C-alpha atoms as a PDB file:
ATOM      1  CA  MET A   1     107.236  88.799  72.986  1.00  0.00           C
ATOM      2  CA  LYS A   2     108.652  91.641  75.085  1.00  0.00           C
ATOM      3  CA  ASP A   3     105.712  91.345  77.479  1.00  0.00           C
ATOM      4  CA  PHE A   4     106.904  87.847  78.447  1.00  0.00           C
ATOM      5  CA  ILE A   5     110.516  88.787  79.188  1.00  0.00           C
ATOM      6  CA  PHE A   6     109.957  90.303  82.624  1.00  0.00           C
ATOM      7  CA  PRO A   7     107.554  87.671  84.033  1.00  0.00           C
ATOM      8  CA  THR A   8     109.792  84.917  82.648  1.00  0.00           C
ATOM      9  CA  ALA A   9     112.851  86.493  84.262  1.00  0.00           C
ATOM     10  CA  THR A  10     110.951  86.825  87.541  1.00  0.00           C
ATOM     11  CA  ALA A  11     109.937  83.148  87.412  1.00  0.00           C
ATOM     12  CA  ILE A  12     113.535  82.088  86.765  1.00  0.00           C
ATOM     13  CA  LEU A  13     114.738  84.219  89.692  1.00  0.00           C
ATOM     14  CA  VAL A  14     112.120  82.744  92.032  1.00  0.00           C
ATOM     15  CA  LEU A  15     113.032  79.190  90.986  1.00  0.00           C
ATOM     16  CA  ALA A  16     116.738  79.923  91.495  1.00  0.00           C
ATOM     17  CA  LEU A  17     116.081  81.302  94.992  1.00  0.00           C
ATOM     18  CA  TRP A  18     113.858  78.307  95.718  1.00  0.00           C
ATOM     19  CA  TYR A  19     116.622  75.874  94.706  1.00  0.00           C
ATOM     20  CA  ALA A  20     119.217  77.817  96.676  1.00  0.00           C
ATOM     21  CA  ALA A  21     117.090  77.948  99.825  1.00  0.00           C
ATOM     22  CA  VAL A  22     116.489  74.180  99.789  1.00  0.00           C
ATOM     23  CA  LEU A  23     120.089  73.227  99.030  1.00  0.00           C
ATOM     24  CA  VAL A  24     121.902  75.776 101.202  1.00  0.00           C
ATOM     25  CA  PHE A  25     119.729  75.406 104.298  1.00  0.00           C
ATOM     26  CA  GLY A  26     119.117  71.692 103.822  1.00  0.00           C
ATOM     27  CA  VAL A  27     115.336  72.003 104.010  1.00  0.00           C
ATOM     28  CA  PRO A  28     113.757  68.529 104.064  1.00  0.00           C
ATOM     29  CA  SER A  29     111.503  67.652 101.130  1.00  0.00           C
ATOM     30  CA  TYR A  30     108.424  67.217 103.317  1.00  0.00           C
ATOM     31  CA  LEU A  31     108.693  70.917 104.221  1.00  0.00           C
ATOM     32  CA  LEU A  32     109.807  72.373 100.898  1.00  0.00           C
ATOM     33  CA  PRO A  33     110.408  70.108  97.888  1.00  0.00           C
ATOM     34  CA  LEU A  34     112.701  71.083  95.053  1.00  0.00           C
ATOM     35  CA  PRO A  35     111.027  72.756  92.051  1.00  0.00           C
ATOM     36  CA  GLY A  36     112.139  69.844  89.876  1.00  0.00           C
ATOM     37  CA  ASP A  37     110.262  67.409  92.122  1.00  0.00           C
ATOM     38  CA  VAL A  38     107.118  69.526  91.896  1.00  0.00           C
ATOM     39  CA  PHE A  39     107.229  69.789  88.104  1.00  0.00           C
ATOM     40  CA  GLY A  40     108.041  66.076  87.910  1.00  0.00           C
ATOM     41  CA  LYS A  41     104.907  65.410  89.956  1.00  0.00           C
ATOM     42  CA  ILE A  42     102.872  67.504  87.531  1.00  0.00           C
ATOM     43  CA  VAL A  43     104.293  65.646  84.520  1.00  0.00           C
ATOM     44  CA  ASN A  44     103.930  62.171  86.004  1.00  0.00           C
ATOM     45  CA  GLU A  45     100.380  62.714  87.261  1.00  0.00           C
ATOM     46  CA  PHE A  46      99.225  65.161  84.611  1.00  0.00           C
ATOM     47  CA  PRO A  47      96.018  63.292  83.569  1.00  0.00           C
ATOM     48  CA  PHE A  48      95.033  62.981  87.244  1.00  0.00           C
ATOM     49  CA  LEU A  49      95.736  66.656  87.948  1.00  0.00           C
ATOM     50  CA  LEU A  50      94.103  67.735  84.693  1.00  0.00           C
ATOM     51  CA  TRP A  51      90.831  66.055  85.625  1.00  0.00           C
ATOM     52  CA  HIS A  52      90.683  67.776  89.016  1.00  0.00           C
ATOM     53  CA  THR A  53      91.748  71.060  87.377  1.00  0.00           C
ATOM     54  CA  TRP A  54      88.846  70.759  84.940  1.00  0.00           C
ATOM     55  CA  VAL A  55      86.406  70.221  87.826  1.00  0.00           C
ATOM     56  CA  THR A  56      87.629  73.324  89.654  1.00  0.00           C
ATOM     57  CA  THR A  57      87.690  75.361  86.439  1.00  0.00           C
ATOM     58  CA  TYR A  58      84.099  74.350  85.658  1.00  0.00           C
ATOM     59  CA  GLU A  59      82.933  75.446  89.106  1.00  0.00           C
ATOM     60  CA  THR A  60      84.956  78.657  88.889  1.00  0.00           C
ATOM     61  CA  VAL A  61      83.599  79.671  85.494  1.00  0.00           C
ATOM     62  CA  GLY A  62      80.044  78.726  86.480  1.00  0.00           C
ATOM     63  CA  GLY A  63      80.118  80.806  89.656  1.00  0.00           C
ATOM     64  CA  PHE A  64      81.865  83.666  87.845  1.00  0.00           C
ATOM     65  CA  LEU A  65      79.237  83.772  85.084  1.00  0.00           C
ATOM     66  CA  LEU A  66      76.523  83.688  87.741  1.00  0.00           C
ATOM     67  CA  SER A  67      78.168  86.642  89.478  1.00  0.00           C
ATOM     68  CA  ILE A  68      78.218  88.562  86.175  1.00  0.00           C
ATOM     69  CA  VAL A  69      74.540  88.007  85.419  1.00  0.00           C
ATOM     70  CA  LEU A  70      73.179  88.585  88.927  1.00  0.00           C
ATOM     71  CA  GLY A  71      75.793  91.146  89.960  1.00  0.00           C
ATOM     72  CA  ILE A  72      75.306  93.430  86.969  1.00  0.00           C
ATOM     73  CA  GLY A  73      71.529  92.969  87.158  1.00  0.00           C
ATOM     74  CA  LEU A  74      71.521  93.917  90.825  1.00  0.00           C
ATOM     75  CA  ALA A  75      73.761  96.923  90.156  1.00  0.00           C
ATOM     76  CA  ILE A  76      71.386  98.170  87.454  1.00  0.00           C
ATOM     77  CA  ALA A  77      68.467  97.870  89.901  1.00  0.00           C
ATOM     78  CA  ILE A  78      70.419  99.784  92.577  1.00  0.00           C
ATOM     79  CA  VAL A  79      71.304 102.605  90.181  1.00  0.00           C
ATOM     80  CA  SER A  80      67.780 102.768  88.749  1.00  0.00           C
ATOM     81  CA  SER A  81      65.963 102.996  92.086  1.00  0.00           C
ATOM     82  CA  ARG A  82      66.852 104.925  95.226  1.00  0.00           C
ATOM     83  CA  THR A  83      64.538 102.637  97.189  1.00  0.00           C
ATOM     84  CA  VAL A  84      66.416  99.527  96.054  1.00  0.00           C
ATOM     85  CA  ASP A  85      69.705 101.288  96.759  1.00  0.00           C
ATOM     86  CA  LYS A  86      68.758 102.183 100.329  1.00  0.00           C
ATOM     87  CA  ALA A  87      67.175  98.780 100.958  1.00  0.00           C
ATOM     88  CA  LEU A  88      69.956  96.545  99.610  1.00  0.00           C
ATOM     89  CA  MET A  89      73.314  98.303  99.725  1.00  0.00           C
ATOM     90  CA  PRO A  90      73.720  98.152 103.536  1.00  0.00           C
ATOM     91  CA  TRP A  91      72.925  94.439 103.462  1.00  0.00           C
ATOM     92  CA  LEU A  92      75.311  93.814 100.583  1.00  0.00           C
ATOM     93  CA  ILE A  93      78.103  95.499 102.525  1.00  0.00           C
ATOM     94  CA  LEU A  94      77.150  93.583 105.672  1.00  0.00           C
ATOM     95  CA  SER A  95      77.233  90.301 103.748  1.00  0.00           C
ATOM     96  CA  GLN A  96      80.936  90.794 103.079  1.00  0.00           C
ATOM     97  CA  THR A  97      81.722  90.685 106.791  1.00  0.00           C
ATOM     98  CA  PHE A  98      80.724  87.010 106.999  1.00  0.00           C
ATOM     99  CA  PRO A  99      83.533  84.560 106.231  1.00  0.00           C
ATOM    100  CA  LYS A 100      82.405  82.428 103.320  1.00  0.00           C
ATOM    101  CA  VAL A 101      84.105  79.382 104.823  1.00  0.00           C
ATOM    102  CA  ALA A 102      81.618  79.631 107.702  1.00  0.00           C
ATOM    103  CA  LEU A 103      78.645  79.972 105.348  1.00  0.00           C
ATOM    104  CA  ALA A 104      79.660  77.103 103.068  1.00  0.00           C
ATOM    105  CA  PRO A 105      78.554  74.276 105.415  1.00  0.00           C
ATOM    106  CA  LEU A 106      75.165  75.927 105.847  1.00  0.00           C
ATOM    107  CA  ILE A 107      74.767  76.184 102.083  1.00  0.00           C
ATOM    108  CA  ILE A 108      75.605  72.480 101.792  1.00  0.00           C
ATOM    109  CA  VAL A 109      72.864  71.715 104.346  1.00  0.00           C
ATOM    110  CA  TRP A 110      70.328  73.835 102.456  1.00  0.00           C
ATOM    111  CA  PHE A 111      71.129  72.775  98.898  1.00  0.00           C
ATOM    112  CA  GLY A 112      72.607  69.321  99.392  1.00  0.00           C
ATOM    113  CA  LEU A 113      75.601  67.846  97.628  1.00  0.00           C
ATOM    114  CA  GLY A 114      76.514  68.239  93.978  1.00  0.00           C
ATOM    115  CA  LEU A 115      77.311  71.183  91.743  1.00  0.00           C
ATOM    116  CA  ALA A 116      74.673  73.684  92.917  1.00  0.00           C
ATOM    117  CA  PRO A 117      76.129  74.504  96.384  1.00  0.00           C
ATOM    118  CA  LYS A 118      79.615  74.874  94.890  1.00  0.00           C
ATOM    119  CA  LEU A 119      78.324  77.375  92.332  1.00  0.00           C
ATOM    120  CA  ILE A 120      76.496  79.278  95.073  1.00  0.00           C
ATOM    121  CA  VAL A 121      79.600  79.507  97.282  1.00  0.00           C
ATOM    122  CA  THR A 122      81.718  80.608  94.319  1.00  0.00           C
ATOM    123  CA  PHE A 123      79.085  83.199  93.408  1.00  0.00           C
ATOM    124  CA  LEU A 124      78.938  84.570  96.961  1.00  0.00           C
ATOM    125  CA  VAL A 125      82.701  85.068  96.993  1.00  0.00           C
ATOM    126  CA  ALA A 126      82.881  86.624  93.518  1.00  0.00           C
ATOM    127  CA  PHE A 127      79.790  88.789  93.053  1.00  0.00           C
ATOM    128  CA  PHE A 128      80.520  91.780  95.308  1.00  0.00           C
ATOM    129  CA  PRO A 129      83.292  93.359  93.155  1.00  0.00           C
ATOM    130  CA  VAL A 130      81.005  93.081  90.131  1.00  0.00           C
ATOM    131  CA  VAL A 131      78.158  94.875  91.907  1.00  0.00           C
ATOM    132  CA  ILE A 132      80.286  97.691  93.313  1.00  0.00           C
ATOM    133  CA  SER A 133      82.282  98.339  90.135  1.00  0.00           C
ATOM    134  CA  THR A 134      79.128  98.329  88.016  1.00  0.00           C
ATOM    135  CA  VAL A 135      77.328 100.730  90.357  1.00  0.00           C
ATOM    136  CA  VAL A 136      80.315 103.103  90.327  1.00  0.00           C
ATOM    137  CA  GLY A 137      80.574 102.876  86.536  1.00  0.00           C
ATOM    138  CA  LEU A 138      76.894 103.494  85.890  1.00  0.00           C
ATOM    139  CA  ARG A 139      76.930 106.501  88.209  1.00  0.00           C
ATOM    140  CA  SER A 140      80.074 107.998  86.711  1.00  0.00           C
ATOM    141  CA  ILE A 141      78.283 109.589  83.759  1.00  0.00           C
ATOM    142  CA  GLU A 142      78.842 113.359  83.688  1.00  0.00           C
ATOM    143  CA  GLY A 143      76.011 115.852  84.002  1.00  0.00           C
ATOM    144  CA  GLU A 144      76.764 117.345  80.582  1.00  0.00           C
ATOM    145  CA  MET A 145      76.366 113.902  79.024  1.00  0.00           C
ATOM    146  CA  LEU A 146      72.979 113.481  80.685  1.00  0.00           C
ATOM    147  CA  GLU A 147      71.888 116.895  79.456  1.00  0.00           C
ATOM    148  CA  LEU A 148      72.952 115.932  75.929  1.00  0.00           C
ATOM    149  CA  ALA A 149      70.942 112.698  76.135  1.00  0.00           C
ATOM    150  CA  TYR A 150      67.855 114.522  77.414  1.00  0.00           C
ATOM    151  CA  SER A 151      68.195 117.194  74.711  1.00  0.00           C
ATOM    152  CA  MET A 152      68.151 114.395  72.125  1.00  0.00           C
ATOM    153  CA  ARG A 153      64.950 113.046  73.734  1.00  0.00           C
ATOM    154  CA  ALA A 154      66.621 109.749  74.589  1.00  0.00           C
ATOM    155  CA  SER A 155      64.447 107.194  76.338  1.00  0.00           C
ATOM    156  CA  ARG A 156      65.594 105.464  79.538  1.00  0.00           C
ATOM    157  CA  MET A 157      66.632 102.409  77.539  1.00  0.00           C
ATOM    158  CA  GLN A 158      68.563 104.538  75.045  1.00  0.00           C
ATOM    159  CA  LEU A 159      70.180 106.432  77.916  1.00  0.00           C
ATOM    160  CA  PHE A 160      71.307 103.139  79.417  1.00  0.00           C
ATOM    161  CA  TRP A 161      72.554 101.344  76.270  1.00  0.00           C
ATOM    162  CA  GLN A 162      74.078 104.319  74.454  1.00  0.00           C
ATOM    163  CA  PHE A 163      75.366 106.449  77.325  1.00  0.00           C
ATOM    164  CA  ARG A 164      75.575 104.801  80.753  1.00  0.00           C
ATOM    165  CA  LEU A 165      76.733 101.312  79.757  1.00  0.00           C
ATOM    166  CA  PRO A 166      79.605 102.340  77.428  1.00  0.00           C
ATOM    167  CA  ILE A 167      80.929 104.725  80.073  1.00  0.00           C
ATOM    168  CA  ALA A 168      80.582 102.054  82.776  1.00  0.00           C
ATOM    169  CA  LEU A 169      82.375  99.276  80.856  1.00  0.00           C
ATOM    170  CA  PRO A 170      85.919 100.122  82.059  1.00  0.00           C
ATOM    171  CA  ASN A 171      84.742  99.979  85.679  1.00  0.00           C
ATOM    172  CA  ILE A 172      82.793  96.787  85.032  1.00  0.00           C
ATOM    173  CA  PHE A 173      85.819  95.037  83.558  1.00  0.00           C
ATOM    174  CA  ALA A 174      87.961  96.188  86.478  1.00  0.00           C
ATOM    175  CA  GLY A 175      85.477  94.500  88.788  1.00  0.00           C
ATOM    176  CA  LEU A 176      85.380  91.377  86.626  1.00  0.00           C
ATOM    177  CA  LYS A 177      89.161  90.985  86.857  1.00  0.00           C
ATOM    178  CA  VAL A 178      88.947  91.038  90.641  1.00  0.00           C
ATOM    179  CA  SER A 179      85.890  88.792  90.615  1.00  0.00           C
ATOM    180  CA  VAL A 180      87.445  86.065  88.470  1.00  0.00           C
ATOM    181  CA  ALA A 181      90.356  85.777  90.922  1.00  0.00           C
ATOM    182  CA  PHE A 182      87.904  85.569  93.829  1.00  0.00           C
ATOM    183  CA  ALA A 183      85.927  82.922  91.939  1.00  0.00           C
ATOM    184  CA  VAL A 184      88.921  80.564  92.009  1.00  0.00           C
ATOM    185  CA  VAL A 185      89.121  81.041  95.784  1.00  0.00           C
ATOM    186  CA  GLY A 186      85.378  80.442  96.096  1.00  0.00           C
ATOM    187  CA  ALA A 187      85.560  77.174  94.164  1.00  0.00           C
ATOM    188  CA  VAL A 188      88.375  75.935  96.405  1.00  0.00           C
ATOM    189  CA  ILE A 189      86.413  76.880  99.541  1.00  0.00           C
ATOM    190  CA  ALA A 190      83.381  74.975  98.249  1.00  0.00           C
ATOM    191  CA  GLU A 191      85.510  71.900  97.561  1.00  0.00           C
ATOM    192  CA  TRP A 192      87.037  72.062 101.028  1.00  0.00           C
ATOM    193  CA  VAL A 193      83.606  71.752 102.617  1.00  0.00           C
ATOM    194  CA  SER A 194      82.100  68.935 100.586  1.00  0.00           C
ATOM    195  CA  SER A 195      83.735  67.316  97.575  1.00  0.00           C
ATOM    196  CA  ASN A 196      85.610  64.235  96.454  1.00  0.00           C
ATOM    197  CA  GLU A 197      87.086  65.876  93.362  1.00  0.00           C
ATOM    198  CA  GLY A 198      88.656  69.165  92.345  1.00  0.00           C
ATOM    199  CA  LEU A 199      91.870  70.921  93.329  1.00  0.00           C
ATOM    200  CA  GLY A 200      90.419  72.056  96.654  1.00  0.00           C
ATOM    201  CA  TYR A 201      89.786  68.413  97.542  1.00  0.00           C
ATOM    202  CA  LEU A 202      93.351  67.541  96.515  1.00  0.00           C
ATOM    203  CA  LEU A 203      94.689  70.301  98.787  1.00  0.00           C
ATOM    204  CA  ILE A 204      92.914  68.756 101.766  1.00  0.00           C
ATOM    205  CA  ARG A 205      94.105  65.284 100.828  1.00  0.00           C
ATOM    206  CA  ALA A 206      97.705  66.373 100.259  1.00  0.00           C
ATOM    207  CA  ASN A 207      97.722  68.235 103.570  1.00  0.00           C
ATOM    208  CA  ALA A 208      96.368  65.222 105.447  1.00  0.00           C
ATOM    209  CA  ASP A 209      99.032  62.955 103.873  1.00  0.00           C
ATOM    210  CA  LEU A 210     101.821  65.544 104.379  1.00  0.00           C
ATOM    211  CA  ASN A 211     102.403  65.259 100.634  1.00  0.00           C
ATOM    212  CA  THR A 212     104.054  68.643 100.133  1.00  0.00           C
ATOM    213  CA  THR A 213     105.052  67.871  96.551  1.00  0.00           C
ATOM    214  CA  LEU A 214     101.421  67.288  95.565  1.00  0.00           C
ATOM    215  CA  LEU A 215     100.429  70.370  97.552  1.00  0.00           C
ATOM    216  CA  PHE A 216     102.758  72.589  95.518  1.00  0.00           C
ATOM    217  CA  ALA A 217     101.653  70.926  92.269  1.00  0.00           C
ATOM    218  CA  VAL A 218      98.008  71.727  93.076  1.00  0.00           C
ATOM    219  CA  LEU A 219      98.907  75.320  93.952  1.00  0.00           C
ATOM    220  CA  ILE A 220     100.632  75.710  90.590  1.00  0.00           C
ATOM    221  CA  MET A 221      97.541  74.367  88.790  1.00  0.00           C
ATOM    222  CA  LEU A 222      95.383  76.846  90.714  1.00  0.00           C
ATOM    223  CA  MET A 223      97.688  79.693  89.707  1.00  0.00           C
ATOM    224  CA  ILE A 224      97.420  78.596  86.082  1.00  0.00           C
ATOM    225  CA  ILE A 225      93.611  78.660  86.297  1.00  0.00           C
ATOM    226  CA  GLY A 226      93.651  82.149  87.806  1.00  0.00           C
ATOM    227  CA  VAL A 227      96.111  83.570  85.274  1.00  0.00           C
ATOM    228  CA  VAL A 228      94.329  82.059  82.258  1.00  0.00           C
ATOM    229  CA  LEU A 229      90.905  83.295  83.370  1.00  0.00           C
ATOM    230  CA  TYR A 230      92.266  86.759  84.233  1.00  0.00           C
ATOM    231  CA  TYR A 231      93.819  87.195  80.805  1.00  0.00           C
ATOM    232  CA  ALA A 232      90.680  85.820  79.168  1.00  0.00           C
ATOM    233  CA  VAL A 233      88.725  88.654  80.811  1.00  0.00           C
ATOM    234  CA  ALA A 234      91.448  91.113  79.787  1.00  0.00           C
ATOM    235  CA  LEU A 235      91.194  89.887  76.190  1.00  0.00           C
ATOM    236  CA  VAL A 236      87.436  90.418  76.147  1.00  0.00           C
ATOM    237  CA  GLU A 237      88.022  93.881  77.614  1.00  0.00           C
ATOM    238  CA  ARG A 238      90.504  94.729  74.859  1.00  0.00           C
ATOM    239  CA  VAL A 239      88.015  93.601  72.209  1.00  0.00           C
ATOM    240  CA  MET A 240      85.017  95.426  73.676  1.00  0.00           C
ATOM    241  CA  ILE A 241      86.593  98.731  74.724  1.00  0.00           C
ATOM    242  CA  PRO A 242      89.707  99.261  72.566  1.00  0.00           C
ATOM    243  CA  TRP A 243      88.969 102.982  72.683  1.00  0.00           C
ATOM    244  CA  HIS A 244      89.483 103.341  76.428  1.00  0.00           C
ATOM    245  CA  GLN A 245      92.597 105.046  77.768  1.00  0.00           C
ATOM    246  CA  SER A 246      93.570 102.076  79.962  1.00  0.00           C
ATOM    247  CA  ILE A 247      93.789  99.890  76.837  1.00  0.00           C
ATOM    248  CA  ARG A 248      95.500 102.418  74.583  1.00  0.00           C
ATOM    249  CA  LEU A 249      98.184 103.280  77.137  1.00  0.00           C
ATOM    250  CA  LYS A 250      99.273  99.624  77.254  1.00  0.00           C
ATOM    251  CA  ASP A 251     100.361  99.902  73.638  1.00  0.00           C
ATOM    252  CA  VAL A 252     102.336 103.115  74.210  1.00  0.00           C
ATOM    253  CA  GLN A 253     106.004 102.791  75.109  1.00  0.00           C
ATOM    254  CA  PRO A 254     106.960 104.792  78.235  1.00  0.00           C
ATOM    255  CA  THR A 255     109.135 107.817  77.588  1.00  0.00           C
ATOM    256  CA  MET A 256     110.849 107.892  81.008  1.00  0.00           C
END
């Protein structure tokens, strides 16, 4: 319960400042609605918002899972082969210089409407942190550990599963936490370009109608998606690598 005290207190402080700013400065509701109006909007239109939240969540999780499978697979290929490393890494880095909003319409042209282009856009936004963190993790094995594996006549598969992968898991999960946040952004970008459902579509609609209350309600739903998915990844991390220092230190009370 103690872990919820500080974020709850922060939320209360932000809401209090929000209320004070609107009331003291007389900000009109079309610029900044009161928090009560926003939460009332969420309550009154909850089934409507829930449906669009489910659509965005589905696209986010789909693109995120795709980034895990292809990102980790590509990282393994890069670490396993110097040729693949030299051939692909410069292009992977170059690919991050292109704004995904600019690529999204082209992807829609190539792959048409429907779920597939949205998953592709979400994947393109989310996969890079997975690749980089996995490459760093797989290469972080110490020389003494490699010598131990070779002295035990470990095969390449045994070296990977019993030595490289366990050591790389903390880095991989660090990348996954970044990636899952990017995946939410990617899903919204995809819905901006071509969609008639999802929270990204609602953002465009609310902006066009100058419906600031709906705009804030959608932003809150997006934040909920991001927080839930982040802590879901953190929970899997805690289950899979409870032995790692980053997990154990969370359970230790600070002495200063």
